[in-house]
Amino acid sequence: MSNPFLRGAKQRLLSPRIYIYTVLLLAIAWLMHRHAQRAIEAGQRPPEDVSLFAEPPPADFPVKDSQLHAVAGQRLPLLLLLGKRHSELESLREALQPEWGEKYSIVVLQAEDDAAMLRYFRTKSLPTAILFTPDNDEQARHDAPFDAASIALWLQSLQQQAPEIP
């Protein structure tokens, strides 16, 4: 004789709902794959690939030499302030200059309208402070909204974590 519990289990496993869900799941996966392939063919990045380090930065440096005149001839670490309004960042630079100007070359760049610069520095939000070593290697990054006091605390904490940072 057949067991009534097994008959009910077989009936639940073979219900049409399972087949419908499986077919819908496969159709959605196929559509997502097709959309990603079309985006790649069009030269766009698929929306699911938003990794910060997915591609290397462009070879050409998007900043003009005239914007970096503050570091010419100096062998100091570079504190780069990227932001929307040049005037606000310039006042921030002036506030940081007395205490940190001898230890770091502080450079302000307006990057709001420059997609190449944002892509080069791998920046998703503005303002951003990026600390580079004298050999132009990225040391640290501060992406949150900030003021002179928070940047000073950030630099002090970096010096405590790694004493080799000036």
Protein backbone atom coordinates (compact mmCIF):
# COMPACT_ATOMS: atom_id res chain seq x y z
CA MET A 1 0.00 0.00 0.00
CA SER A 2 1.10 3.51 -0.49
CA ASN A 3 1.83 5.86 2.32
CA PRO A 4 -0.59 8.87 2.39
CA PHE A 5 2.15 11.20 3.66
CA LEU A 6 4.42 10.44 0.69
CA ARG A 7 1.61 10.93 -1.78
CA GLY A 8 0.99 14.45 -0.41
CA ALA A 9 4.70 15.28 -0.57
CA LYS A 10 4.95 14.16 -4.19
CA GLN A 11 1.92 16.18 -5.05
CA ARG A 12 3.39 19.33 -3.45
CA LEU A 13 6.75 18.89 -5.20
CA LEU A 14 5.18 18.53 -8.62
CA SER A 15 2.75 21.43 -8.39
CA PRO A 16 2.64 23.81 -11.40
CA ARG A 17 3.68 26.70 -9.17
CA ILE A 18 7.21 25.27 -8.84
CA TYR A 19 7.59 25.07 -12.62
CA ILE A 20 6.28 28.59 -13.13
CA TYR A 21 8.68 30.04 -10.53
CA THR A 22 11.62 28.15 -12.04
CA VAL A 23 10.84 29.38 -15.54
CA LEU A 24 10.43 32.98 -14.29
CA LEU A 25 13.73 32.80 -12.42
CA LEU A 26 15.57 31.56 -15.50
CA ALA A 27 13.94 34.25 -17.67
CA ILE A 28 15.01 37.00 -15.27
CA ALA A 29 18.58 35.66 -15.14
CA TRP A 30 18.69 35.56 -18.95
CA LEU A 31 17.39 39.15 -19.20
CA MET A 32 19.98 40.39 -16.69
CA HIS A 33 22.77 38.67 -18.62
CA ARG A 34 21.50 40.11 -21.91
CA HIS A 35 21.34 43.62 -20.44
CA ALA A 36 24.90 43.35 -19.11
CA GLN A 37 26.19 42.14 -22.48
CA ARG A 38 24.54 45.04 -24.29
CA ALA A 39 26.01 47.51 -21.81
CA ILE A 40 29.49 46.06 -22.36
CA GLU A 41 29.08 46.20 -26.14
CA ALA A 42 27.96 49.83 -25.91
CA GLY A 43 31.11 50.67 -23.96
CA GLN A 44 29.30 51.24 -20.70
CA ARG A 45 29.95 49.55 -17.44
CA PRO A 46 27.16 47.20 -16.31
CA PRO A 47 25.33 48.59 -13.26
CA GLU A 48 26.36 45.64 -11.08
CA ASP A 49 30.08 46.36 -11.63
CA VAL A 50 30.69 49.40 -9.41
CA SER A 51 33.88 48.28 -7.72
CA LEU A 52 36.28 51.10 -6.85
CA PHE A 53 39.27 49.28 -8.23
CA ALA A 54 37.64 47.47 -11.18
CA GLU A 55 39.69 49.37 -13.75
CA PRO A 56 42.97 51.26 -13.52
CA PRO A 57 42.83 55.04 -13.66
CA PRO A 58 43.33 56.74 -17.01
CA ALA A 59 46.94 57.27 -18.04
CA ASP A 60 46.66 61.01 -18.62
CA PHE A 61 46.65 63.08 -15.45
CA PRO A 62 43.55 65.31 -15.54
CA VAL A 63 45.07 68.13 -13.46
CA LYS A 64 46.98 70.98 -15.07
CA ASP A 65 50.46 71.79 -13.78
CA SER A 66 49.28 75.31 -12.92
CA GLN A 67 46.86 73.80 -10.40
CA LEU A 68 49.73 72.03 -8.64
CA HIS A 69 52.10 74.99 -8.38
CA ALA A 70 52.09 74.66 -4.58
CA VAL A 71 54.09 71.43 -4.72
CA ALA A 72 56.66 72.35 -7.37
CA GLY A 73 60.15 71.50 -6.13
CA GLN A 74 59.00 70.19 -2.75
CA ARG A 75 59.39 66.60 -1.56
CA LEU A 76 56.49 66.56 0.91
CA PRO A 77 53.45 64.32 1.18
CA LEU A 78 50.50 65.75 -0.71
CA LEU A 79 47.14 66.46 0.91
CA LEU A 80 44.69 66.79 -1.96
CA LEU A 81 41.30 68.35 -1.24
CA LEU A 82 38.71 67.63 -3.94
CA GLY A 83 35.42 69.46 -3.68
CA LYS A 84 32.53 71.23 -5.28
CA ARG A 85 33.16 74.85 -4.46
CA HIS A 86 36.69 76.17 -4.79
CA SER A 87 36.06 79.05 -2.37
CA GLU A 88 35.07 76.76 0.53
CA LEU A 89 38.04 74.47 0.00
CA GLU A 90 40.41 77.41 -0.34
CA SER A 91 39.31 78.71 3.07
CA LEU A 92 39.80 75.19 4.43
CA ARG A 93 43.32 75.12 2.95
CA GLU A 94 44.10 78.48 4.54
CA ALA A 95 42.88 77.18 7.93
CA LEU A 96 45.07 74.06 7.64
CA GLN A 97 48.15 75.87 6.32
CA PRO A 98 49.56 77.25 9.61
CA GLU A 99 49.59 73.90 11.43
CA TRP A 100 50.05 71.41 8.57
CA GLY A 101 51.62 73.49 5.79
CA GLU A 102 55.19 72.55 6.71
CA LYS A 103 54.41 68.81 6.84
CA TYR A 104 52.17 68.54 3.76
CA SER A 105 51.70 70.24 0.44
CA ILE A 106 48.01 71.13 0.56
CA VAL A 107 46.37 71.40 -2.86
CA VAL A 108 42.73 72.27 -3.58
CA LEU A 109 41.00 71.11 -6.76
CA GLN A 110 37.43 71.79 -7.85
CA ALA A 111 36.24 68.47 -9.24
CA GLU A 112 32.45 68.76 -9.39
CA ASP A 113 32.13 69.16 -13.16
CA ASP A 114 35.17 67.11 -14.16
CA ALA A 115 34.27 63.43 -14.61
CA ALA A 116 37.81 62.55 -15.73
CA MET A 117 39.25 63.89 -12.47
CA LEU A 118 36.68 61.99 -10.37
CA ARG A 119 37.45 58.80 -12.28
CA TYR A 120 41.22 59.34 -12.02
CA PHE A 121 41.11 59.76 -8.25
CA ARG A 122 38.42 57.02 -7.88
CA THR A 123 36.14 59.41 -6.06
CA LYS A 124 32.43 58.76 -5.67
CA SER A 125 31.50 61.61 -3.35
CA LEU A 126 32.64 65.16 -2.78
CA PRO A 127 34.31 66.58 -0.77
CA THR A 128 37.18 64.11 -0.48
CA ALA A 129 40.60 64.46 1.10
CA ILE A 130 43.32 62.17 -0.23
CA LEU A 131 46.76 61.87 1.34
CA PHE A 132 49.63 60.86 -0.96
CA THR A 133 53.17 59.90 0.01
CA PRO A 134 56.11 61.84 -1.47
CA ASP A 135 56.33 59.02 -4.05
CA ASN A 136 52.71 59.69 -5.14
CA ASP A 137 51.24 56.53 -3.61
CA GLU A 138 47.85 56.92 -1.99
CA GLN A 139 48.24 56.68 1.78
CA ALA A 140 44.73 57.39 3.08
CA ARG A 141 41.37 58.81 2.08
CA HIS A 142 38.70 60.78 3.98
CA ASP A 143 35.35 60.85 2.13
CA ALA A 144 32.93 62.27 4.66
CA PRO A 145 31.96 65.95 4.76
CA PHE A 146 34.69 67.68 6.72
CA ASP A 147 36.01 70.93 8.07
CA ALA A 148 39.47 72.04 9.21
CA ALA A 149 39.10 70.50 12.67
CA SER A 150 38.02 67.08 11.37
CA ILE A 151 40.87 67.04 8.81
CA ALA A 152 43.34 67.94 11.56
CA LEU A 153 42.00 65.09 13.75
CA TRP A 154 42.19 62.72 10.78
CA LEU A 155 45.82 63.66 10.09
CA GLN A 156 46.70 63.30 13.79
CA SER A 157 45.09 59.85 13.93
CA LEU A 158 47.03 58.80 10.84
CA GLN A 159 50.27 59.92 12.49
CA GLN A 160 49.44 57.91 15.61
CA GLN A 161 48.58 54.79 13.59
CA ALA A 162 51.68 54.99 11.40
CA PRO A 163 54.53 57.05 12.87
CA GLU A 164 56.40 57.06 9.54
CA ILE A 165 53.75 59.44 8.17
CA PRO A 166 55.09 62.95 8.75
